[in-house]
N, C-alpha and C. Protein backbone atom coordinates (compact mmCIF):
# COMPACT_ATOMS: atom_id res chain seq x y z
N MET A 1 -30.13 28.01 -0.89
CA MET A 1 -30.06 27.46 0.46
C MET A 1 -30.93 28.25 1.41
N ALA A 2 -30.90 29.58 1.30
CA ALA A 2 -31.70 30.42 2.20
C ALA A 2 -33.19 30.12 2.04
N ALA A 3 -33.64 30.02 0.81
CA ALA A 3 -35.06 29.75 0.56
C ALA A 3 -35.45 28.37 1.09
N LEU A 4 -34.59 27.39 0.87
CA LEU A 4 -34.86 26.03 1.33
C LEU A 4 -34.92 25.98 2.86
N TRP A 5 -33.95 26.61 3.53
CA TRP A 5 -33.90 26.57 4.99
C TRP A 5 -35.09 27.33 5.59
N PHE A 6 -35.41 28.48 5.00
CA PHE A 6 -36.57 29.26 5.46
C PHE A 6 -37.85 28.43 5.32
N ALA A 7 -38.02 27.79 4.16
CA ALA A 7 -39.22 26.98 3.92
C ALA A 7 -39.30 25.81 4.91
N LEU A 8 -38.18 25.14 5.16
CA LEU A 8 -38.16 24.03 6.12
C LEU A 8 -38.53 24.51 7.52
N ASP A 9 -37.99 25.65 7.90
CA ASP A 9 -38.29 26.22 9.21
C ASP A 9 -39.78 26.54 9.34
N GLN A 10 -40.33 27.22 8.36
CA GLN A 10 -41.74 27.62 8.44
C GLN A 10 -42.68 26.41 8.37
N TRP A 11 -42.32 25.42 7.58
CA TRP A 11 -43.14 24.21 7.47
C TRP A 11 -43.17 23.45 8.81
N THR A 12 -41.99 23.30 9.45
CA THR A 12 -41.95 22.58 10.72
C THR A 12 -42.69 23.36 11.81
N LYS A 13 -42.58 24.68 11.80
CA LYS A 13 -43.32 25.49 12.79
C LYS A 13 -44.83 25.37 12.55
N HIS A 14 -45.23 25.34 11.29
CA HIS A 14 -46.65 25.16 10.97
C HIS A 14 -47.16 23.82 11.51
N LEU A 15 -46.37 22.77 11.31
CA LEU A 15 -46.76 21.45 11.82
C LEU A 15 -46.92 21.46 13.34
N VAL A 16 -46.01 22.11 14.02
CA VAL A 16 -46.06 22.16 15.48
C VAL A 16 -47.28 22.95 15.95
N VAL A 17 -47.49 24.13 15.37
CA VAL A 17 -48.59 25.00 15.80
C VAL A 17 -49.95 24.35 15.53
N THR A 18 -50.06 23.60 14.44
CA THR A 18 -51.35 23.00 14.09
C THR A 18 -51.59 21.63 14.72
N SER A 19 -50.55 20.99 15.26
CA SER A 19 -50.75 19.64 15.79
C SER A 19 -50.43 19.49 17.27
N MET A 20 -49.87 20.52 17.90
CA MET A 20 -49.52 20.44 19.32
C MET A 20 -50.17 21.61 20.07
N THR A 21 -50.33 21.42 21.36
CA THR A 21 -50.77 22.53 22.20
C THR A 21 -49.54 23.11 22.89
N GLU A 22 -49.61 24.40 23.16
CA GLU A 22 -48.46 25.05 23.78
C GLU A 22 -48.14 24.39 25.13
N GLY A 23 -46.86 24.10 25.33
CA GLY A 23 -46.40 23.43 26.54
C GLY A 23 -46.38 21.91 26.43
N GLU A 24 -46.99 21.36 25.40
CA GLU A 24 -47.03 19.91 25.22
C GLU A 24 -45.64 19.36 24.95
N GLN A 25 -45.35 18.19 25.54
CA GLN A 25 -44.07 17.51 25.34
C GLN A 25 -44.32 16.17 24.68
N VAL A 26 -43.57 15.90 23.62
CA VAL A 26 -43.69 14.62 22.92
C VAL A 26 -42.30 14.00 22.83
N PRO A 27 -42.05 12.90 23.55
CA PRO A 27 -40.75 12.24 23.43
C PRO A 27 -40.61 11.58 22.06
N VAL A 28 -39.51 11.87 21.40
CA VAL A 28 -39.22 11.27 20.10
C VAL A 28 -38.20 10.15 20.28
N LEU A 29 -37.13 10.47 21.01
CA LEU A 29 -36.09 9.48 21.34
C LEU A 29 -35.78 9.57 22.84
N GLY A 30 -36.77 9.35 23.66
CA GLY A 30 -36.58 9.44 25.11
C GLY A 30 -36.09 10.81 25.52
N ASN A 31 -35.00 10.84 26.31
CA ASN A 31 -34.41 12.11 26.73
C ASN A 31 -33.42 12.67 25.72
N VAL A 32 -33.20 11.96 24.64
CA VAL A 32 -32.25 12.43 23.63
C VAL A 32 -32.88 13.52 22.78
N LEU A 33 -34.11 13.31 22.35
CA LEU A 33 -34.82 14.28 21.50
C LEU A 33 -36.28 14.31 21.88
N GLN A 34 -36.77 15.52 22.15
CA GLN A 34 -38.17 15.71 22.49
C GLN A 34 -38.71 16.89 21.71
N LEU A 35 -40.00 16.86 21.45
CA LEU A 35 -40.68 18.03 20.89
C LEU A 35 -41.42 18.70 22.04
N VAL A 36 -41.13 19.97 22.25
CA VAL A 36 -41.76 20.75 23.32
C VAL A 36 -42.16 22.09 22.71
N PHE A 37 -43.45 22.33 22.57
CA PHE A 37 -43.95 23.54 21.93
C PHE A 37 -43.96 24.70 22.92
N VAL A 38 -43.13 25.71 22.64
CA VAL A 38 -43.11 26.95 23.42
C VAL A 38 -43.06 28.13 22.46
N ARG A 39 -43.47 29.27 22.96
CA ARG A 39 -43.35 30.53 22.21
C ARG A 39 -42.33 31.38 22.96
N ASN A 40 -41.32 31.84 22.24
CA ASN A 40 -40.21 32.56 22.85
C ASN A 40 -40.25 34.02 22.42
N SER A 41 -40.38 34.92 23.38
CA SER A 41 -40.40 36.35 23.07
C SER A 41 -39.01 36.96 23.15
N GLY A 42 -38.02 36.17 23.54
CA GLY A 42 -36.67 36.70 23.70
C GLY A 42 -35.69 36.10 22.71
N ALA A 43 -34.43 36.13 23.11
CA ALA A 43 -33.36 35.56 22.29
C ALA A 43 -33.11 34.13 22.78
N ALA A 44 -31.93 33.61 22.48
CA ALA A 44 -31.58 32.27 22.93
C ALA A 44 -31.74 32.15 24.44
N PHE A 45 -32.22 31.01 24.88
CA PHE A 45 -32.47 30.73 26.30
C PHE A 45 -33.49 31.70 26.89
N SER A 46 -34.34 32.29 26.04
CA SER A 46 -35.38 33.25 26.44
C SER A 46 -34.81 34.50 27.10
N LEU A 47 -33.57 34.84 26.81
CA LEU A 47 -32.97 36.05 27.35
C LEU A 47 -33.60 37.28 26.72
N ALA A 48 -33.69 38.35 27.47
CA ALA A 48 -34.18 39.65 27.01
C ALA A 48 -35.58 39.55 26.40
N SER A 49 -36.47 38.86 27.10
CA SER A 49 -37.80 38.63 26.56
C SER A 49 -38.60 39.91 26.36
N GLY A 50 -38.23 41.00 26.99
CA GLY A 50 -38.94 42.26 26.78
C GLY A 50 -38.41 43.08 25.63
N ALA A 51 -37.42 42.55 24.92
CA ALA A 51 -36.77 43.33 23.86
C ALA A 51 -37.02 42.74 22.48
N THR A 52 -38.17 42.16 22.27
CA THR A 52 -38.49 41.51 20.99
C THR A 52 -38.32 42.48 19.83
N TRP A 53 -38.75 43.72 19.98
CA TRP A 53 -38.67 44.70 18.90
C TRP A 53 -37.22 44.98 18.50
N ILE A 54 -36.31 44.91 19.48
CA ILE A 54 -34.88 45.12 19.17
C ILE A 54 -34.38 43.98 18.30
N PHE A 55 -34.78 42.74 18.61
CA PHE A 55 -34.36 41.60 17.80
C PHE A 55 -34.93 41.69 16.39
N SER A 56 -36.11 42.23 16.26
CA SER A 56 -36.71 42.41 14.93
C SER A 56 -35.88 43.38 14.11
N ILE A 57 -35.46 44.47 14.72
CA ILE A 57 -34.64 45.47 14.02
C ILE A 57 -33.27 44.89 13.67
N LEU A 58 -32.62 44.24 14.63
CA LEU A 58 -31.30 43.65 14.38
C LEU A 58 -31.36 42.58 13.29
N ALA A 59 -32.38 41.75 13.32
CA ALA A 59 -32.53 40.71 12.30
C ALA A 59 -32.72 41.34 10.92
N SER A 60 -33.48 42.42 10.86
CA SER A 60 -33.68 43.12 9.58
C SER A 60 -32.37 43.66 9.04
N ILE A 61 -31.54 44.19 9.92
CA ILE A 61 -30.23 44.70 9.51
C ILE A 61 -29.35 43.56 9.00
N VAL A 62 -29.36 42.43 9.71
CA VAL A 62 -28.57 41.27 9.28
C VAL A 62 -29.00 40.80 7.90
N VAL A 63 -30.29 40.77 7.64
CA VAL A 63 -30.81 40.35 6.33
C VAL A 63 -30.27 41.28 5.24
N VAL A 64 -30.32 42.58 5.47
CA VAL A 64 -29.84 43.55 4.47
C VAL A 64 -28.34 43.37 4.24
N VAL A 65 -27.57 43.21 5.29
CA VAL A 65 -26.11 43.03 5.16
C VAL A 65 -25.80 41.77 4.37
N ILE A 66 -26.49 40.68 4.66
CA ILE A 66 -26.24 39.43 3.93
C ILE A 66 -26.56 39.60 2.45
N ILE A 67 -27.67 40.24 2.15
CA ILE A 67 -28.05 40.44 0.75
C ILE A 67 -27.01 41.29 0.02
N VAL A 68 -26.49 42.32 0.68
CA VAL A 68 -25.46 43.17 0.08
C VAL A 68 -24.17 42.37 -0.13
N LEU A 69 -23.76 41.59 0.87
CA LEU A 69 -22.52 40.82 0.76
C LEU A 69 -22.63 39.66 -0.22
N ALA A 70 -23.82 39.19 -0.49
CA ALA A 70 -24.02 38.00 -1.33
C ALA A 70 -23.40 38.16 -2.71
N ARG A 71 -23.33 39.36 -3.22
CA ARG A 71 -22.75 39.59 -4.55
C ARG A 71 -21.26 39.26 -4.61
N ARG A 72 -20.59 39.31 -3.46
CA ARG A 72 -19.14 39.09 -3.43
C ARG A 72 -18.77 37.62 -3.23
N ILE A 73 -19.74 36.77 -2.93
CA ILE A 73 -19.46 35.37 -2.61
C ILE A 73 -19.17 34.59 -3.89
N ARG A 74 -18.02 33.93 -3.91
CA ARG A 74 -17.63 33.07 -5.03
C ARG A 74 -17.35 31.64 -4.57
N SER A 75 -17.43 31.42 -3.27
CA SER A 75 -17.14 30.11 -2.69
C SER A 75 -18.44 29.40 -2.35
N PRO A 76 -18.56 28.13 -2.74
CA PRO A 76 -19.77 27.39 -2.35
C PRO A 76 -19.90 27.24 -0.83
N TRP A 77 -18.77 27.17 -0.13
CA TRP A 77 -18.82 27.04 1.33
C TRP A 77 -19.34 28.32 1.97
N TRP A 78 -18.88 29.46 1.49
CA TRP A 78 -19.38 30.73 2.03
C TRP A 78 -20.84 30.94 1.62
N ALA A 79 -21.21 30.46 0.45
CA ALA A 79 -22.61 30.55 0.03
C ALA A 79 -23.48 29.73 0.99
N LEU A 80 -22.97 28.59 1.42
CA LEU A 80 -23.70 27.77 2.39
C LEU A 80 -23.83 28.52 3.72
N VAL A 81 -22.74 29.14 4.17
CA VAL A 81 -22.77 29.90 5.42
C VAL A 81 -23.85 30.97 5.36
N PHE A 82 -23.79 31.79 4.32
CA PHE A 82 -24.73 32.91 4.23
C PHE A 82 -26.15 32.43 3.92
N GLY A 83 -26.30 31.32 3.21
CA GLY A 83 -27.62 30.77 2.95
C GLY A 83 -28.28 30.27 4.21
N LEU A 84 -27.54 29.50 5.01
CA LEU A 84 -28.09 29.01 6.29
C LEU A 84 -28.40 30.16 7.23
N LEU A 85 -27.50 31.13 7.28
CA LEU A 85 -27.71 32.28 8.16
C LEU A 85 -28.93 33.09 7.72
N LEU A 86 -29.02 33.37 6.44
CA LEU A 86 -30.16 34.14 5.93
C LEU A 86 -31.47 33.40 6.12
N GLY A 87 -31.49 32.12 5.81
CA GLY A 87 -32.71 31.33 6.00
C GLY A 87 -33.14 31.28 7.46
N GLY A 88 -32.18 31.11 8.36
CA GLY A 88 -32.49 31.07 9.79
C GLY A 88 -32.96 32.41 10.33
N VAL A 89 -32.26 33.46 9.96
CA VAL A 89 -32.66 34.79 10.43
C VAL A 89 -34.04 35.16 9.89
N LEU A 90 -34.29 34.87 8.61
CA LEU A 90 -35.61 35.16 8.04
C LEU A 90 -36.71 34.34 8.71
N GLY A 91 -36.40 33.08 9.07
CA GLY A 91 -37.38 32.24 9.73
C GLY A 91 -37.82 32.82 11.06
N ASN A 92 -36.86 33.23 11.89
CA ASN A 92 -37.21 33.80 13.19
C ASN A 92 -37.76 35.22 13.05
N LEU A 93 -37.26 35.98 12.08
CA LEU A 93 -37.77 37.33 11.85
C LEU A 93 -39.23 37.29 11.42
N SER A 94 -39.59 36.35 10.57
CA SER A 94 -40.98 36.27 10.14
C SER A 94 -41.90 35.95 11.31
N ASP A 95 -41.42 35.14 12.27
CA ASP A 95 -42.20 34.90 13.48
C ASP A 95 -42.39 36.20 14.26
N ARG A 96 -41.31 36.95 14.41
CA ARG A 96 -41.38 38.20 15.17
C ARG A 96 -42.29 39.23 14.49
N LEU A 97 -42.31 39.19 13.18
CA LEU A 97 -43.13 40.16 12.45
C LEU A 97 -44.59 39.76 12.36
N PHE A 98 -44.87 38.47 12.17
CA PHE A 98 -46.23 38.06 11.82
C PHE A 98 -46.97 37.19 12.83
N ARG A 99 -46.32 36.78 13.89
CA ARG A 99 -47.02 35.97 14.88
C ARG A 99 -47.52 36.84 16.03
N GLU A 100 -48.37 36.23 16.87
CA GLU A 100 -48.91 36.94 18.03
C GLU A 100 -47.79 37.29 18.99
N PRO A 101 -47.86 38.38 19.73
CA PRO A 101 -49.04 39.18 19.96
C PRO A 101 -49.26 40.31 18.95
N SER A 102 -48.18 40.79 18.27
CA SER A 102 -48.40 41.86 17.30
C SER A 102 -47.19 41.99 16.38
N PHE A 103 -47.35 42.80 15.34
CA PHE A 103 -46.30 43.02 14.34
C PHE A 103 -45.03 43.53 15.03
N GLY A 104 -43.91 42.86 14.75
CA GLY A 104 -42.63 43.26 15.32
C GLY A 104 -42.40 42.76 16.73
N LEU A 105 -43.45 42.27 17.37
CA LEU A 105 -43.35 41.79 18.75
C LEU A 105 -43.75 40.32 18.88
N GLY A 106 -43.86 39.65 17.74
CA GLY A 106 -44.30 38.26 17.75
C GLY A 106 -43.32 37.34 18.45
N HIS A 107 -43.86 36.25 18.94
CA HIS A 107 -43.05 35.26 19.64
C HIS A 107 -42.61 34.17 18.67
N VAL A 108 -41.36 33.77 18.78
CA VAL A 108 -40.79 32.74 17.92
C VAL A 108 -41.26 31.37 18.41
N VAL A 109 -41.66 30.51 17.48
CA VAL A 109 -42.08 29.16 17.82
C VAL A 109 -40.84 28.28 17.95
N ASP A 110 -40.64 27.73 19.12
CA ASP A 110 -39.54 26.80 19.39
C ASP A 110 -40.15 25.46 19.76
N PHE A 111 -39.45 24.37 19.40
CA PHE A 111 -40.05 23.06 19.66
C PHE A 111 -39.06 21.91 19.76
N ILE A 112 -37.80 22.11 19.48
CA ILE A 112 -36.83 21.02 19.52
C ILE A 112 -36.09 21.09 20.85
N SER A 113 -36.12 19.99 21.58
CA SER A 113 -35.45 19.92 22.87
C SER A 113 -34.49 18.73 22.88
N THR A 114 -33.26 19.01 23.25
CA THR A 114 -32.24 17.97 23.43
C THR A 114 -31.67 18.16 24.84
N PRO A 115 -32.42 17.70 25.86
CA PRO A 115 -32.04 17.98 27.25
C PRO A 115 -30.66 17.47 27.63
N TRP A 116 -30.20 16.40 27.02
CA TRP A 116 -28.88 15.84 27.33
C TRP A 116 -27.76 16.76 26.86
N MET A 117 -28.05 17.62 25.87
CA MET A 117 -27.02 18.46 25.27
C MET A 117 -27.05 19.88 25.82
N MET A 118 -28.24 20.46 25.93
CA MET A 118 -28.37 21.82 26.43
C MET A 118 -29.78 22.04 26.93
N PRO A 119 -29.93 22.94 27.89
CA PRO A 119 -31.27 23.16 28.47
C PRO A 119 -32.11 24.15 27.67
N ALA A 120 -31.99 24.15 26.37
CA ALA A 120 -32.72 25.10 25.53
C ALA A 120 -33.72 24.37 24.65
N ILE A 121 -34.72 25.12 24.22
CA ILE A 121 -35.67 24.62 23.23
C ILE A 121 -35.49 25.53 22.02
N TYR A 122 -35.31 24.95 20.86
CA TYR A 122 -34.96 25.74 19.68
C TYR A 122 -35.76 25.27 18.48
N ASN A 123 -35.42 25.78 17.30
CA ASN A 123 -36.16 25.44 16.09
C ASN A 123 -35.20 25.25 14.92
N VAL A 124 -35.73 24.98 13.75
CA VAL A 124 -34.91 24.74 12.56
C VAL A 124 -34.12 26.00 12.18
N ALA A 125 -34.73 27.17 12.33
CA ALA A 125 -34.02 28.43 12.04
C ALA A 125 -32.77 28.54 12.91
N ASP A 126 -32.90 28.22 14.19
CA ASP A 126 -31.77 28.29 15.11
C ASP A 126 -30.66 27.32 14.70
N ILE A 127 -31.04 26.15 14.24
CA ILE A 127 -30.04 25.17 13.77
C ILE A 127 -29.27 25.75 12.59
N GLY A 128 -29.96 26.41 11.68
CA GLY A 128 -29.30 27.04 10.53
C GLY A 128 -28.33 28.13 10.97
N ILE A 129 -28.75 28.95 11.92
CA ILE A 129 -27.91 30.05 12.40
C ILE A 129 -26.66 29.51 13.08
N VAL A 130 -26.83 28.54 13.97
CA VAL A 130 -25.68 27.96 14.69
C VAL A 130 -24.76 27.23 13.72
N SER A 131 -25.30 26.48 12.78
CA SER A 131 -24.48 25.78 11.78
C SER A 131 -23.69 26.78 10.95
N ALA A 132 -24.32 27.88 10.58
CA ALA A 132 -23.64 28.92 9.81
C ALA A 132 -22.47 29.50 10.60
N MET A 133 -22.67 29.70 11.90
CA MET A 133 -21.60 30.28 12.71
C MET A 133 -20.43 29.30 12.87
N VAL A 134 -20.74 28.02 13.01
CA VAL A 134 -19.67 27.02 13.10
C VAL A 134 -18.87 26.99 11.79
N LEU A 135 -19.56 26.99 10.66
CA LEU A 135 -18.87 27.02 9.37
C LEU A 135 -18.09 28.31 9.18
N PHE A 136 -18.65 29.42 9.63
CA PHE A 136 -17.96 30.72 9.55
C PHE A 136 -16.62 30.66 10.27
N VAL A 137 -16.63 30.15 11.50
CA VAL A 137 -15.40 30.05 12.28
C VAL A 137 -14.40 29.12 11.59
N LEU A 138 -14.88 27.98 11.11
CA LEU A 138 -14.00 27.02 10.44
C LEU A 138 -13.36 27.62 9.18
N LEU A 139 -14.16 28.26 8.35
CA LEU A 139 -13.63 28.87 7.12
C LEU A 139 -12.66 30.00 7.44
N THR A 140 -12.94 30.74 8.49
CA THR A 140 -12.04 31.83 8.90
C THR A 140 -10.72 31.26 9.39
N ILE A 141 -10.76 30.22 10.20
CA ILE A 141 -9.53 29.59 10.69
C ILE A 141 -8.72 29.03 9.53
N LEU A 142 -9.40 28.44 8.55
CA LEU A 142 -8.71 27.88 7.39
C LEU A 142 -8.22 28.95 6.42
N GLY A 143 -8.66 30.20 6.62
CA GLY A 143 -8.22 31.30 5.76
C GLY A 143 -8.88 31.32 4.40
N ILE A 144 -10.06 30.74 4.28
CA ILE A 144 -10.76 30.71 3.00
C ILE A 144 -11.60 31.97 2.87
N GLY A 145 -11.32 32.76 1.84
CA GLY A 145 -12.02 34.01 1.63
C GLY A 145 -13.35 33.81 0.91
N LEU A 146 -14.11 34.89 0.80
CA LEU A 146 -15.39 34.84 0.10
C LEU A 146 -15.22 34.41 -1.35
N ASP A 147 -14.02 34.64 -1.89
CA ASP A 147 -13.74 34.25 -3.27
C ASP A 147 -13.43 32.76 -3.40
N GLY A 148 -13.34 32.05 -2.27
CA GLY A 148 -13.06 30.63 -2.28
C GLY A 148 -11.58 30.29 -2.26
N VAL A 149 -10.73 31.31 -2.29
CA VAL A 149 -9.28 31.11 -2.31
C VAL A 149 -8.77 31.07 -0.88
N ARG A 150 -7.90 30.11 -0.64
CA ARG A 150 -7.29 30.01 0.68
C ARG A 150 -6.12 30.98 0.73
N HIS A 151 -6.21 31.92 1.62
CA HIS A 151 -5.19 32.95 1.75
C HIS A 151 -4.18 32.50 2.80
N ALA A 152 -2.93 32.33 2.36
CA ALA A 152 -1.88 31.88 3.27
C ALA A 152 -1.50 33.01 4.21
N LYS A 153 -1.21 32.63 5.45
CA LYS A 153 -0.75 33.62 6.42
C LYS A 153 0.72 33.89 6.15
N THR A 154 1.10 35.16 6.13
CA THR A 154 2.50 35.53 5.96
C THR A 154 3.01 36.12 7.25
N GLU A 155 4.27 35.81 7.56
CA GLU A 155 4.84 36.37 8.77
C GLU A 155 5.25 37.80 8.50
N ALA A 156 4.88 38.68 9.41
CA ALA A 156 5.18 40.10 9.25
C ALA A 156 6.67 40.36 9.51
N ASP A 157 7.23 41.32 8.80
CA ASP A 157 8.61 41.73 9.00
C ASP A 157 8.68 42.48 10.33
N PRO A 158 9.49 42.01 11.27
CA PRO A 158 9.54 42.66 12.58
C PRO A 158 10.01 44.11 12.50
N GLN A 159 10.65 44.49 11.40
CA GLN A 159 11.12 45.86 11.22
C GLN A 159 10.00 46.80 10.80
N GLN A 160 8.84 46.25 10.44
CA GLN A 160 7.77 47.09 9.92
C GLN A 160 6.57 47.09 10.85
N THR A 161 5.86 48.22 10.86
CA THR A 161 4.63 48.33 11.61
C THR A 161 3.51 47.74 10.76
N PRO A 162 2.30 47.55 11.32
CA PRO A 162 1.20 47.00 10.51
C PRO A 162 0.90 47.83 9.26
N SER A 163 1.22 49.11 9.26
CA SER A 163 0.95 49.93 8.08
C SER A 163 2.02 49.77 7.02
N GLY A 164 3.11 49.06 7.35
CA GLY A 164 4.18 48.85 6.38
C GLY A 164 5.30 49.87 6.52
N GLU A 165 5.15 50.81 7.45
CA GLU A 165 6.19 51.81 7.64
C GLU A 165 7.22 51.28 8.62
N ILE A 166 8.43 51.83 8.53
CA ILE A 166 9.48 51.46 9.47
C ILE A 166 9.14 52.09 10.81
N GLY A 167 9.26 51.31 11.90
CA GLY A 167 8.90 51.79 13.23
C GLY A 167 9.81 52.91 13.70
N HIS A 168 9.38 53.61 14.75
CA HIS A 168 10.09 54.76 15.30
C HIS A 168 11.49 54.39 15.78
N ASP A 169 11.65 53.27 16.47
CA ASP A 169 12.97 52.85 16.97
C ASP A 169 13.93 52.59 15.82
N GLU A 170 13.45 51.99 14.76
CA GLU A 170 14.30 51.69 13.61
C GLU A 170 14.73 52.98 12.92
N GLN A 171 13.84 53.99 12.88
CA GLN A 171 14.20 55.27 12.26
C GLN A 171 15.30 55.93 13.07
N ARG A 172 15.21 55.88 14.40
CA ARG A 172 16.20 56.52 15.26
C ARG A 172 17.55 55.82 15.09
N ARG A 173 17.56 54.48 15.02
CA ARG A 173 18.82 53.75 14.84
C ARG A 173 19.42 54.04 13.48
N ALA A 174 18.56 54.16 12.47
CA ALA A 174 19.06 54.44 11.12
C ALA A 174 19.74 55.80 11.06
N GLY A 175 19.27 56.75 11.89
CA GLY A 175 19.83 58.09 11.88
C GLY A 175 21.10 58.19 12.68
N ASP A 176 21.43 57.21 13.53
CA ASP A 176 22.63 57.25 14.38
C ASP A 176 23.87 56.92 13.62
């Protein structure tokens, strides 16, 4: 999934860079979907545009953590989460590393605009990252572990602390 999502992201960015001029707007479905070619030096909504190098470092750390955690994944749903996340992070990281203006400071190519939904311009990598986060939250709420097993919530014994020890008040009462 990561390789597929990364490839889709890079292919679509290549199409945009080679067929559009920066700032160009192409309506696809009126105001529902537009292609708008911009280069983003920051994070989502162009926040922290002067901190591109920090995003490069953070993305590199995320890639390493995902690769390390990948060995523990036994659930196809969690594999999808980490695949979409890894593909998306690698897509934007490769822009930061290899696009202008320089290594580690490159600007991410964004081109998808849905003005009716949000005032942002994003790309396929961003869709993968956001989809992964939505699935992450859903799987966490459902209690599905990396092993694919749904872990039932158990009610804690009010007499015990989170460590499993009897609380201080209970010890004092037991001694009376």
